[in-house]
Amino acid sequence: MALYAVDKPLHLTSHDVVEEARRRLSTRRVGHTGTLDPLATGVLPICFGAATKFSQLHLDADKSYEAIATLGIETTT
């Protein structure tokens, strides 16, 4: 049973990260404990083996987000 923290890169989905872990480790028993938006980067906990049974417990855990914003800039979007 294992739980690892992966630094999810920009533009990849959480599912992409899980699929890559499955491919590299040649195992199907891989899951994540919460979805990160493809435009978000940060820690994505990945569960392997029997730990996938407990991943649901982490979904209800407190989470926090950090953002950087610049005020006073006008764009077309």
C-alpha atoms as a PDB file:
ATOM      1  CA  MET A   1       0.000   0.000   0.000  1.00  0.00           C
ATOM      2  CA  ALA A   2       1.507   3.323  -1.044  1.00  0.00           C
ATOM      3  CA  LEU A   3       0.570   6.969  -1.353  1.00  0.00           C
ATOM      4  CA  TYR A   4       2.799   9.381  -3.276  1.00  0.00           C
ATOM      5  CA  ALA A   5       2.649  13.120  -3.851  1.00  0.00           C
ATOM      6  CA  VAL A   6       3.085  14.114  -7.495  1.00  0.00           C
ATOM      7  CA  ASP A   7       3.753  17.692  -8.624  1.00  0.00           C
ATOM      8  CA  LYS A   8       1.112  17.885 -11.380  1.00  0.00           C
ATOM      9  CA  PRO A   9       2.354  19.951 -14.312  1.00  0.00           C
ATOM     10  CA  LEU A  10       0.347  22.566 -16.174  1.00  0.00           C
ATOM     11  CA  HIS A  11      -2.003  21.335 -18.945  1.00  0.00           C
ATOM     12  CA  LEU A  12      -2.141  17.711 -17.766  1.00  0.00           C
ATOM     13  CA  THR A  13      -5.338  16.372 -16.213  1.00  0.00           C
ATOM     14  CA  SER A  14      -5.312  14.331 -13.023  1.00  0.00           C
ATOM     15  CA  HIS A  15      -6.386  11.387 -15.164  1.00  0.00           C
ATOM     16  CA  ASP A  16      -3.335  11.924 -17.431  1.00  0.00           C
ATOM     17  CA  VAL A  17      -1.061  11.679 -14.378  1.00  0.00           C
ATOM     18  CA  VAL A  18      -2.756   8.462 -13.215  1.00  0.00           C
ATOM     19  CA  GLU A  19      -2.501   6.929 -16.700  1.00  0.00           C
ATOM     20  CA  GLU A  20       1.206   7.763 -16.833  1.00  0.00           C
ATOM     21  CA  ALA A  21       1.737   6.120 -13.420  1.00  0.00           C
ATOM     22  CA  ARG A  22      -0.167   3.025 -14.603  1.00  0.00           C
ATOM     23  CA  ARG A  23       1.963   2.834 -17.735  1.00  0.00           C
ATOM     24  CA  ARG A  24       5.294   3.330 -15.952  1.00  0.00           C
ATOM     25  CA  LEU A  25       4.526   0.881 -13.148  1.00  0.00           C
ATOM     26  CA  SER A  26       2.633  -1.661 -15.284  1.00  0.00           C
ATOM     27  CA  THR A  27      -0.265  -1.787 -12.841  1.00  0.00           C
ATOM     28  CA  ARG A  28      -3.970  -0.968 -13.031  1.00  0.00           C
ATOM     29  CA  ARG A  29      -4.453  -0.261  -9.306  1.00  0.00           C
ATOM     30  CA  VAL A  30      -3.671   3.449  -9.351  1.00  0.00           C
ATOM     31  CA  GLY A  31      -5.913   6.345  -8.359  1.00  0.00           C
ATOM     32  CA  HIS A  32      -5.829   9.958  -7.209  1.00  0.00           C
ATOM     33  CA  THR A  33      -7.393  11.603  -4.171  1.00  0.00           C
ATOM     34  CA  GLY A  34      -8.902  14.631  -5.882  1.00  0.00           C
ATOM     35  CA  THR A  35      -9.012  16.279  -9.272  1.00  0.00           C
ATOM     36  CA  LEU A  36      -6.844  19.257 -10.171  1.00  0.00           C
ATOM     37  CA  ASP A  37      -7.885  21.424 -13.112  1.00  0.00           C
ATOM     38  CA  PRO A  38      -5.619  21.108 -16.185  1.00  0.00           C
ATOM     39  CA  LEU A  39      -4.682  24.796 -15.736  1.00  0.00           C
ATOM     40  CA  ALA A  40      -3.677  24.179 -12.101  1.00  0.00           C
ATOM     41  CA  THR A  41      -0.309  22.958 -10.885  1.00  0.00           C
ATOM     42  CA  GLY A  42       0.376  21.499  -7.495  1.00  0.00           C
ATOM     43  CA  VAL A  43       0.405  18.417  -5.329  1.00  0.00           C
ATOM     44  CA  LEU A  44      -1.726  15.517  -6.551  1.00  0.00           C
ATOM     45  CA  PRO A  45      -1.716  12.570  -4.122  1.00  0.00           C
ATOM     46  CA  ILE A  46      -1.567   9.273  -6.054  1.00  0.00           C
ATOM     47  CA  CYS A  47      -2.517   5.928  -4.452  1.00  0.00           C
ATOM     48  CA  PHE A  48      -1.179   2.535  -5.492  1.00  0.00           C
ATOM     49  CA  GLY A  49      -2.368  -0.968  -4.698  1.00  0.00           C
ATOM     50  CA  ALA A  50      -4.517  -1.392  -1.602  1.00  0.00           C
ATOM     51  CA  ALA A  51      -4.228   2.341  -0.839  1.00  0.00           C
ATOM     52  CA  THR A  52      -6.736   3.001  -3.641  1.00  0.00           C
ATOM     53  CA  LYS A  53      -9.448   1.674  -1.285  1.00  0.00           C
ATOM     54  CA  PHE A  54      -8.744   4.560   1.100  1.00  0.00           C
ATOM     55  CA  SER A  55      -8.428   7.353  -1.456  1.00  0.00           C
ATOM     56  CA  GLN A  56     -12.079   8.367  -0.930  1.00  0.00           C
ATOM     57  CA  LEU A  57     -11.210   9.416   2.637  1.00  0.00           C
ATOM     58  CA  HIS A  58      -8.871  12.100   1.295  1.00  0.00           C
ATOM     59  CA  LEU A  59     -11.523  13.616  -0.971  1.00  0.00           C
ATOM     60  CA  ASP A  60     -13.322  15.107   2.049  1.00  0.00           C
ATOM     61  CA  ALA A  61     -10.150  16.622   3.533  1.00  0.00           C
ATOM     62  CA  ASP A  62      -9.702  20.405   3.772  1.00  0.00           C
ATOM     63  CA  LYS A  63      -8.030  21.956   0.747  1.00  0.00           C
ATOM     64  CA  SER A  64      -6.588  25.375   0.063  1.00  0.00           C
ATOM     65  CA  TYR A  65      -5.763  27.210  -3.142  1.00  0.00           C
ATOM     66  CA  GLU A  66      -3.297  29.993  -3.843  1.00  0.00           C
ATOM     67  CA  ALA A  67      -3.631  32.445  -6.719  1.00  0.00           C
ATOM     68  CA  ILE A  68      -1.717  35.473  -7.953  1.00  0.00           C
ATOM     69  CA  ALA A  69      -3.741  38.296  -9.503  1.00  0.00           C
ATOM     70  CA  THR A  70      -2.794  41.642 -10.994  1.00  0.00           C
ATOM     71  CA  LEU A  71      -5.413  44.390 -10.630  1.00  0.00           C
ATOM     72  CA  GLY A  72      -5.850  47.222 -13.105  1.00  0.00           C
ATOM     73  CA  ILE A  73      -4.956  45.337 -16.280  1.00  0.00           C
ATOM     74  CA  GLU A  74      -7.457  45.222 -19.134  1.00  0.00           C
ATOM     75  CA  THR A  75      -7.531  42.399 -21.693  1.00  0.00           C
ATOM     76  CA  THR A  76      -9.860  41.385 -24.536  1.00  0.00           C
ATOM     77  CA  THR A  77     -10.928  38.180 -22.782  1.00  0.00           C
END
